[in-house]
Amino acid sequence: MSSPRARNAVTTCNQCQKKIQSVADLLLLTSELRPITTENLLVFGDSYAKCRETIIAWTKGLLDLTKKVNEYIHNVSTKWQDICVCVEEICDLVVGLIECCTQAAYLTAISRPECSPAIQGIVDPYTISR
């Protein structure tokens, strides 16, 4: 992988891996249930059903994108830039899935009678880090 385009693909993969890991660390591994207020999730409101439908749709989209990357890699005429774009799309989809799953977990938790909704703080660590 000595060509500049190949190095760019490696850099793209590394950046995506770091982005996914940081989102997973902030949302999944901290065990803090809190609402996610990104633009992608504002349309859900307090609807667990909408979260679930989106998770299913995005998972199917992830399957399609991974098949596309596989085709690109095995196609001799594929440009590295096409692979980079596809990897970035996969990364955004995985981040969205993590956010959506976190929101679904939050909505499930607050539906329990012994739980109450989170109180919005002055600073949301997740929003700042994004």
C-alpha atoms as a PDB file:
ATOM      1  CA  MET A   1       0.000   0.000   0.000  1.00  0.00           C
ATOM      2  CA  SER A   2       2.473   2.577  -1.104  1.00  0.00           C
ATOM      3  CA  SER A   3       0.241   4.718  -3.308  1.00  0.00           C
ATOM      4  CA  PRO A   4      -1.133   7.975  -1.846  1.00  0.00           C
ATOM      5  CA  ARG A   5      -4.685   6.811  -2.540  1.00  0.00           C
ATOM      6  CA  ALA A   6      -4.129   3.578  -0.634  1.00  0.00           C
ATOM      7  CA  ARG A   7      -2.646   5.504   2.284  1.00  0.00           C
ATOM      8  CA  ASN A   8      -5.692   7.786   2.192  1.00  0.00           C
ATOM      9  CA  ALA A   9      -7.932   4.712   2.462  1.00  0.00           C
ATOM     10  CA  VAL A  10      -5.968   3.487   5.477  1.00  0.00           C
ATOM     11  CA  THR A  11      -6.215   6.928   7.090  1.00  0.00           C
ATOM     12  CA  THR A  12      -9.966   6.993   6.450  1.00  0.00           C
ATOM     13  CA  CYS A  13     -10.374   3.573   8.057  1.00  0.00           C
ATOM     14  CA  ASN A  14      -8.330   4.630  11.088  1.00  0.00           C
ATOM     15  CA  GLN A  15     -10.333   7.838  11.543  1.00  0.00           C
ATOM     16  CA  CYS A  16     -13.610   5.942  11.291  1.00  0.00           C
ATOM     17  CA  GLN A  17     -12.423   3.356  13.802  1.00  0.00           C
ATOM     18  CA  LYS A  18     -11.501   6.107  16.269  1.00  0.00           C
ATOM     19  CA  LYS A  19     -14.847   7.844  15.776  1.00  0.00           C
ATOM     20  CA  ILE A  20     -16.830   4.644  16.372  1.00  0.00           C
ATOM     21  CA  GLN A  21     -14.707   3.780  19.416  1.00  0.00           C
ATOM     22  CA  SER A  22     -15.142   7.218  20.983  1.00  0.00           C
ATOM     23  CA  VAL A  23     -18.928   7.123  20.492  1.00  0.00           C
ATOM     24  CA  ALA A  24     -19.080   3.613  21.933  1.00  0.00           C
ATOM     25  CA  ASP A  25     -16.968   4.698  24.909  1.00  0.00           C
ATOM     26  CA  LEU A  26     -19.150   7.729  25.610  1.00  0.00           C
ATOM     27  CA  LEU A  27     -22.542   6.105  25.103  1.00  0.00           C
ATOM     28  CA  LEU A  28     -22.267   2.383  25.714  1.00  0.00           C
ATOM     29  CA  LEU A  29     -19.358   1.789  28.038  1.00  0.00           C
ATOM     30  CA  THR A  30     -20.118   4.568  30.548  1.00  0.00           C
ATOM     31  CA  SER A  31     -23.406   2.878  31.543  1.00  0.00           C
ATOM     32  CA  GLU A  32     -25.019   6.298  31.910  1.00  0.00           C
ATOM     33  CA  LEU A  33     -28.538   6.348  30.573  1.00  0.00           C
ATOM     34  CA  ARG A  34     -29.293   9.721  29.071  1.00  0.00           C
ATOM     35  CA  PRO A  35     -31.295  10.989  26.129  1.00  0.00           C
ATOM     36  CA  ILE A  36     -29.439  11.536  22.880  1.00  0.00           C
ATOM     37  CA  THR A  37     -30.240  14.859  21.268  1.00  0.00           C
ATOM     38  CA  THR A  38     -28.470  14.670  17.929  1.00  0.00           C
ATOM     39  CA  GLU A  39     -30.232  15.857  14.785  1.00  0.00           C
ATOM     40  CA  ASN A  40     -30.709  12.282  13.570  1.00  0.00           C
ATOM     41  CA  LEU A  41     -32.670  11.319  16.667  1.00  0.00           C
ATOM     42  CA  LEU A  42     -34.785  14.411  17.285  1.00  0.00           C
ATOM     43  CA  VAL A  43     -37.524  12.998  15.042  1.00  0.00           C
ATOM     44  CA  PHE A  44     -38.110  10.088  17.447  1.00  0.00           C
ATOM     45  CA  GLY A  45     -39.232  12.152  20.383  1.00  0.00           C
ATOM     46  CA  ASP A  46     -40.203   9.671  23.060  1.00  0.00           C
ATOM     47  CA  SER A  47     -41.137   6.877  20.675  1.00  0.00           C
ATOM     48  CA  TYR A  48     -39.459   3.551  21.308  1.00  0.00           C
ATOM     49  CA  ALA A  49     -41.267   2.117  18.252  1.00  0.00           C
ATOM     50  CA  LYS A  50     -39.667   4.706  15.946  1.00  0.00           C
ATOM     51  CA  CYS A  51     -36.240   3.910  17.413  1.00  0.00           C
ATOM     52  CA  ARG A  52     -36.812   0.212  16.837  1.00  0.00           C
ATOM     53  CA  GLU A  53     -37.936   0.744  13.223  1.00  0.00           C
ATOM     54  CA  THR A  54     -34.906   2.927  12.553  1.00  0.00           C
ATOM     55  CA  ILE A  55     -32.530   0.373  14.082  1.00  0.00           C
ATOM     56  CA  ILE A  56     -33.966  -2.311  11.797  1.00  0.00           C
ATOM     57  CA  ALA A  57     -33.742  -0.085   8.700  1.00  0.00           C
ATOM     58  CA  TRP A  58     -30.210   1.101   9.476  1.00  0.00           C
ATOM     59  CA  THR A  59     -29.071  -2.461  10.133  1.00  0.00           C
ATOM     60  CA  LYS A  60     -30.304  -3.446   6.670  1.00  0.00           C
ATOM     61  CA  GLY A  61     -28.495  -0.404   5.281  1.00  0.00           C
ATOM     62  CA  LEU A  62     -25.323  -1.515   7.036  1.00  0.00           C
ATOM     63  CA  LEU A  63     -25.611  -4.923   5.402  1.00  0.00           C
ATOM     64  CA  ASP A  64     -25.968  -3.290   1.980  1.00  0.00           C
ATOM     65  CA  LEU A  65     -22.954  -1.045   2.559  1.00  0.00           C
ATOM     66  CA  THR A  66     -20.744  -3.910   3.700  1.00  0.00           C
ATOM     67  CA  LYS A  67     -21.688  -5.841   0.558  1.00  0.00           C
ATOM     68  CA  LYS A  68     -20.815  -2.751  -1.478  1.00  0.00           C
ATOM     69  CA  VAL A  69     -17.373  -2.468   0.142  1.00  0.00           C
ATOM     70  CA  ASN A  70     -16.782  -6.150  -0.488  1.00  0.00           C
ATOM     71  CA  GLU A  71     -17.643  -5.662  -4.165  1.00  0.00           C
ATOM     72  CA  TYR A  72     -15.347  -2.623  -4.373  1.00  0.00           C
ATOM     73  CA  ILE A  73     -12.445  -4.508  -2.855  1.00  0.00           C
ATOM     74  CA  HIS A  74     -12.821  -7.443  -5.233  1.00  0.00           C
ATOM     75  CA  ASN A  75     -13.345  -5.286  -8.308  1.00  0.00           C
ATOM     76  CA  VAL A  76     -10.084  -4.538 -10.095  1.00  0.00           C
ATOM     77  CA  SER A  77     -11.314  -1.235 -11.529  1.00  0.00           C
ATOM     78  CA  THR A  78     -12.512   0.220  -8.198  1.00  0.00           C
ATOM     79  CA  LYS A  79     -11.091   3.560  -7.204  1.00  0.00           C
ATOM     80  CA  TRP A  80      -9.748   3.969  -3.669  1.00  0.00           C
ATOM     81  CA  GLN A  81     -11.899   7.050  -3.261  1.00  0.00           C
ATOM     82  CA  ASP A  82     -15.051   4.936  -3.728  1.00  0.00           C
ATOM     83  CA  ILE A  83     -13.910   2.654  -0.925  1.00  0.00           C
ATOM     84  CA  CYS A  84     -13.179   5.638   1.332  1.00  0.00           C
ATOM     85  CA  VAL A  85     -16.637   7.110   0.741  1.00  0.00           C
ATOM     86  CA  CYS A  86     -18.284   3.781   1.476  1.00  0.00           C
ATOM     87  CA  VAL A  87     -16.254   3.291   4.670  1.00  0.00           C
ATOM     88  CA  GLU A  88     -17.260   6.778   5.838  1.00  0.00           C
ATOM     89  CA  GLU A  89     -20.925   5.952   5.150  1.00  0.00           C
ATOM     90  CA  ILE A  90     -20.570   2.747   7.179  1.00  0.00           C
ATOM     91  CA  CYS A  91     -18.965   4.713  10.001  1.00  0.00           C
ATOM     92  CA  ASP A  92     -21.807   7.261  10.065  1.00  0.00           C
ATOM     93  CA  LEU A  93     -24.352   4.462  10.029  1.00  0.00           C
ATOM     94  CA  VAL A  94     -22.662   2.604  12.897  1.00  0.00           C
ATOM     95  CA  VAL A  95     -22.482   5.820  14.948  1.00  0.00           C
ATOM     96  CA  GLY A  96     -26.174   6.407  14.237  1.00  0.00           C
ATOM     97  CA  LEU A  97     -26.988   2.853  15.297  1.00  0.00           C
ATOM     98  CA  ILE A  98     -25.106   3.283  18.560  1.00  0.00           C
ATOM     99  CA  GLU A  99     -26.936   6.546  19.233  1.00  0.00           C
ATOM    100  CA  CYS A 100     -30.286   5.009  18.352  1.00  0.00           C
ATOM    101  CA  CYS A 101     -29.707   1.957  20.547  1.00  0.00           C
ATOM    102  CA  THR A 102     -28.673   4.230  23.409  1.00  0.00           C
ATOM    103  CA  GLN A 103     -31.848   6.283  22.951  1.00  0.00           C
ATOM    104  CA  ALA A 104     -33.957   3.106  22.860  1.00  0.00           C
ATOM    105  CA  ALA A 105     -32.324   1.912  26.095  1.00  0.00           C
ATOM    106  CA  TYR A 106     -33.004   5.286  27.703  1.00  0.00           C
ATOM    107  CA  LEU A 107     -36.660   5.227  26.622  1.00  0.00           C
ATOM    108  CA  THR A 108     -37.023   1.684  27.930  1.00  0.00           C
ATOM    109  CA  ALA A 109     -35.474   2.642  31.273  1.00  0.00           C
ATOM    110  CA  ILE A 110     -37.662   5.690  31.852  1.00  0.00           C
ATOM    111  CA  SER A 111     -40.784   3.697  31.025  1.00  0.00           C
ATOM    112  CA  ARG A 112     -40.288   1.803  34.288  1.00  0.00           C
ATOM    113  CA  PRO A 113     -42.284   3.251  37.184  1.00  0.00           C
ATOM    114  CA  GLU A 114     -39.261   3.468  39.479  1.00  0.00           C
ATOM    115  CA  CYS A 115     -37.252   5.525  36.958  1.00  0.00           C
ATOM    116  CA  SER A 116     -37.516   9.170  36.079  1.00  0.00           C
ATOM    117  CA  PRO A 117     -36.269  11.072  33.024  1.00  0.00           C
ATOM    118  CA  ALA A 118     -32.771  12.475  33.114  1.00  0.00           C
ATOM    119  CA  ILE A 119     -32.421  16.131  33.986  1.00  0.00           C
ATOM    120  CA  GLN A 120     -30.617  18.048  31.257  1.00  0.00           C
ATOM    121  CA  GLY A 121     -27.376  19.477  32.598  1.00  0.00           C
ATOM    122  CA  ILE A 122     -25.649  22.662  31.562  1.00  0.00           C
ATOM    123  CA  VAL A 123     -23.151  20.701  29.495  1.00  0.00           C
ATOM    124  CA  ASP A 124     -23.726  17.393  27.746  1.00  0.00           C
ATOM    125  CA  PRO A 125     -20.377  15.585  27.506  1.00  0.00           C
ATOM    126  CA  TYR A 126     -21.479  13.650  24.432  1.00  0.00           C
ATOM    127  CA  THR A 127     -22.561  16.737  22.496  1.00  0.00           C
ATOM    128  CA  ILE A 128     -19.302  18.510  23.347  1.00  0.00           C
ATOM    129  CA  SER A 129     -17.147  15.579  22.272  1.00  0.00           C
ATOM    130  CA  ARG A 130     -18.940  15.162  18.946  1.00  0.00           C
END
